Amino acid sequence: MLISNPLDYHRDVPDTRNAACKDKKYPVDLPVTSIVICFYNEALSALLRTVHSVLDCTPARALHEIILMDGNSDFMI
């Protein structure tokens, strides 16, 4: 069993932005975005945790899609 398997998919991710960025006000009508996650031989649990982090930390109105790109992994997830 991989060490990442028992970890929860939803986790608290610290906000590591510069203080000036935290105080900045961003327009609510920004264009939507696509998130591309490239991986190679990554455990499914780690990929799911990453996707959940994106979903938990991104405003729904800003997210168009999440694309997972497998770099020709040696095993099936």
Foldseek 3Di string as FASTA:
>chain_A
DDPLVVDDLDDDDDDPDDPVVVPDDDDPPDAADEAEAEDAQDDPSVVSSVVVVCVVPDDPRRHDYYHYHYPPHPDDD
